[in-house]
Protein backbone atom coordinates (compact mmCIF):
# COMPACT_ATOMS: atom_id res chain seq x y z
CA MET A 1 -126.22 27.14 86.98
CA ASN A 2 -124.12 25.95 89.77
CA ARG A 3 -124.72 28.20 93.00
CA TRP A 4 -121.06 27.99 93.65
CA LEU A 5 -120.24 28.95 90.30
CA LEU A 6 -122.11 32.15 90.43
CA LEU A 7 -121.33 33.09 93.70
CA GLY A 8 -117.43 32.47 92.86
CA ALA A 9 -118.00 34.49 89.71
CA VAL A 10 -119.35 37.41 91.77
CA ALA A 11 -117.13 37.48 94.60
CA VAL A 12 -115.02 40.43 93.21
CA ALA A 13 -111.27 40.62 94.10
CA VAL A 14 -110.87 44.18 95.72
CA ALA A 15 -109.33 46.46 93.08
CA ALA A 16 -106.44 48.53 93.90
CA CYS A 17 -106.83 52.37 94.43
CA GLY A 18 -104.03 54.81 93.57
CA ASN A 19 -103.63 58.42 94.95
CA ARG A 20 -106.51 60.70 94.59
CA LYS A 21 -105.87 63.73 92.48
CA PRO A 22 -108.93 65.49 91.56
CA ALA A 23 -109.01 68.41 89.01
CA ASP A 24 -108.40 71.58 90.32
CA PRO A 25 -111.58 73.62 89.49
CA SER A 26 -110.18 76.93 90.90
CA PRO A 27 -109.41 79.83 88.83
CA ALA A 28 -105.89 80.13 87.70
CA GLY A 29 -103.89 82.24 90.27
CA SER A 30 -106.88 82.53 92.68
CA GLY A 31 -104.76 80.80 95.51
CA ALA A 32 -108.17 78.94 96.34
CA ALA A 33 -108.14 75.38 97.36
CA PRO A 34 -109.56 72.91 94.63
CA ALA A 35 -113.05 71.90 95.75
CA LEU A 36 -113.37 68.07 95.77
CA PRO A 37 -116.39 66.61 94.37
CA ASP A 38 -119.17 65.14 96.75
CA ALA A 39 -119.94 61.32 96.96
CA LEU A 40 -123.41 62.40 97.05
CA ASP A 41 -123.10 63.83 93.56
CA LEU A 42 -122.24 60.28 92.19
CA ASP A 43 -125.26 58.98 90.09
CA TRP A 44 -125.19 55.47 91.37
CA LYS A 45 -128.31 54.77 89.73
CA ALA A 46 -126.29 54.79 86.49
CA LEU A 47 -123.02 53.44 87.00
CA ARG A 48 -120.91 50.70 85.65
CA TYR A 49 -120.56 47.88 87.96
CA ASP A 50 -118.14 45.04 87.83
CA LEU A 51 -119.63 41.78 88.63
CA GLY A 52 -116.27 39.72 88.84
CA SER A 53 -115.66 37.39 86.19
CA LEU A 54 -119.35 37.77 84.92
CA GLY A 55 -118.02 40.99 83.49
CA VAL A 56 -119.59 44.70 83.62
CA VAL A 57 -123.21 45.68 83.53
CA VAL A 58 -124.72 49.13 83.07
CA ALA A 59 -127.42 50.07 85.56
CA THR A 60 -130.43 52.23 84.59
CA GLY A 61 -132.47 53.68 87.27
CA GLY A 62 -130.67 51.54 89.81
CA ARG A 63 -131.42 48.22 88.07
CA ALA A 64 -129.21 46.13 85.58
CA GLU A 65 -131.09 43.35 83.48
CA PHE A 66 -128.76 40.90 82.00
CA ARG A 67 -128.76 37.20 80.52
CA VAL A 68 -126.00 34.94 81.82
CA THR A 69 -124.80 33.24 78.95
CA GLU A 70 -121.77 30.79 78.55
CA ASP A 71 -119.22 30.66 75.65
CA ASP A 72 -115.79 29.15 74.91
CA THR A 73 -114.30 32.05 77.33
CA GLY A 74 -116.48 31.14 80.34
CA ILE A 75 -119.83 32.58 81.99
CA HIS A 76 -120.70 36.24 81.29
CA ALA A 77 -123.71 38.53 82.07
CA SER A 78 -124.59 40.02 78.83
CA GLN A 79 -126.95 43.05 78.34
CA THR A 80 -127.19 42.56 74.64
CA SER A 81 -128.12 38.78 74.35
CA ILE A 82 -131.24 37.29 74.09
CA ASP A 83 -130.08 33.71 74.88
CA GLY A 84 -129.27 32.57 78.44
CA ALA A 85 -130.64 32.85 81.85
CA PRO A 86 -132.35 35.86 82.85
CA GLY A 87 -130.67 37.93 85.80
CA PHE A 88 -130.62 41.25 87.40
CA LEU A 89 -128.85 43.61 89.74
CA ALA A 90 -130.90 45.73 92.01
CA LEU A 91 -129.36 48.64 93.55
CA SER A 92 -130.22 50.57 97.06
CA PRO A 93 -129.64 54.15 98.26
CA PRO A 94 -126.13 54.26 99.16
CA SER A 95 -124.41 55.03 102.60
CA LEU A 96 -121.12 57.21 103.13
CA VAL A 97 -118.02 56.18 105.13
CA ASP A 98 -114.61 57.79 105.09
CA LEU A 99 -112.68 54.51 104.77
CA ASP A 100 -109.14 56.13 104.11
CA GLY A 101 -109.40 59.13 106.64
CA ASP A 102 -108.98 61.78 104.19
CA HIS A 103 -112.16 63.28 105.10
CA HIS A 104 -113.94 62.57 101.90
CA ASP A 105 -116.32 59.89 102.04
CA GLU A 106 -116.56 56.62 100.04
CA THR A 107 -119.97 55.50 98.61
CA VAL A 108 -121.17 52.02 99.66
CA ILE A 109 -124.04 50.95 97.42
CA PRO A 110 -126.01 47.75 98.56
CA PHE A 111 -127.22 45.42 95.94
CA GLU A 112 -129.07 42.30 95.36
CA LEU A 113 -127.83 40.08 92.54
CA HIS A 114 -130.40 37.39 91.11
CA SER A 115 -130.22 34.71 88.64
CA VAL A 116 -132.62 31.73 87.61
CA HIS A 117 -130.48 29.78 90.16
CA ASP A 118 -129.02 31.96 92.74
CA SER A 119 -129.30 35.24 94.77
CA LEU A 120 -126.24 37.27 96.36
CA ALA A 121 -126.24 40.39 98.51
CA GLY A 122 -123.53 42.67 99.03
CA ALA A 123 -122.26 46.32 98.50
CA PHE A 124 -120.13 47.93 95.85
CA VAL A 125 -117.53 50.48 97.52
CA PHE A 126 -116.81 53.52 95.12
CA THR A 127 -114.66 56.53 95.63
CA LEU A 128 -114.17 59.54 93.34
CA ARG A 129 -110.89 59.98 91.44
CA ASP A 130 -110.32 62.95 89.44
CA GLY A 131 -114.10 63.31 89.80
CA LEU A 132 -115.05 60.10 88.27
CA PRO A 133 -116.38 57.02 90.25
CA LEU A 134 -113.72 54.17 90.88
CA GLN A 135 -115.00 50.75 92.34
CA LEU A 136 -112.81 50.07 95.22
CA GLY A 137 -114.32 46.66 95.81
CA THR A 138 -117.33 44.60 96.58
CA ILE A 139 -118.41 43.16 99.76
CA THR A 140 -120.86 40.34 100.00
CA THR A 141 -123.45 39.83 102.81
CA THR A 142 -125.78 37.32 103.74
CA LYS A 143 -128.87 39.37 103.15
CA PRO A 144 -129.58 42.67 101.43
CA GLY A 145 -128.61 45.69 103.34
CA GLY A 146 -126.63 43.31 105.59
CA PHE A 147 -123.97 45.62 106.82
CA THR A 148 -123.31 48.78 109.03
CA VAL A 149 -121.05 51.62 108.55
CA VAL A 150 -119.17 51.81 111.94
CA GLY A 151 -116.53 54.73 112.18
CA THR A 152 -114.15 54.14 109.22
CA THR A 153 -115.09 50.50 108.74
CA ILE A 154 -117.69 48.52 107.20
CA LYS A 155 -119.07 45.68 109.27
CA THR A 156 -121.30 42.83 107.44
CA ASP A 157 -124.03 40.81 109.15
CA ASP A 158 -121.78 37.79 109.21
CA GLY A 159 -119.34 39.67 111.62
CA ALA A 160 -116.73 40.55 108.82
CA ILE A 161 -115.26 44.11 108.98
CA TRP A 162 -113.67 45.73 106.09
CA THR A 163 -111.38 48.63 106.42
CA TRP A 164 -108.74 50.77 103.99
CA ASP A 165 -105.44 49.57 104.02
CA PRO A 166 -103.03 52.56 103.30
CA LYS A 167 -100.04 50.34 102.55
CA LEU A 168 -101.72 48.19 99.97
CA ARG A 169 -104.12 51.23 99.06
CA GLN A 170 -107.33 49.29 98.83
CA ILE A 171 -110.16 47.81 101.20
CA VAL A 172 -109.54 44.76 102.75
CA ARG A 173 -111.31 42.26 105.34
CA ALA A 174 -109.74 42.75 108.92
CA PRO A 175 -108.10 39.69 110.18
């Protein structure tokens, strides 16, 4: 498979994020402020991960095995096919960052994506909405774990800085 095809397929467009409105777990009429879920409660080892045009894979134990298949609609990562080139997504423990300044952390999950021909490193960025994980975007890096959390930004090893854009309500690469 062409290296640029796989890299292009995995370079995910950043998804927009709407207002966070977590469920109110406080008893009715208690006057207590609702408790927001903690980003550390996110089971990152067993999430669904969007690989862009390759589709979605489900991790088990921090890893997703798949086969890269091609059909009339394009190239896809299939976890049910026995045909195609083998590939896997390996996840590392998360880092936390409050990207949007709401005093609730987003989760940055480093990954390595491998297929027969190519490898890609980066990080998935998740937030919690209504207590459920919402993938805000994917950041690519030049090596596994090739990013640092700096204040309310994520800086990759190639010098790119990612931040939250409140007008667009999404994570963006700073100019």
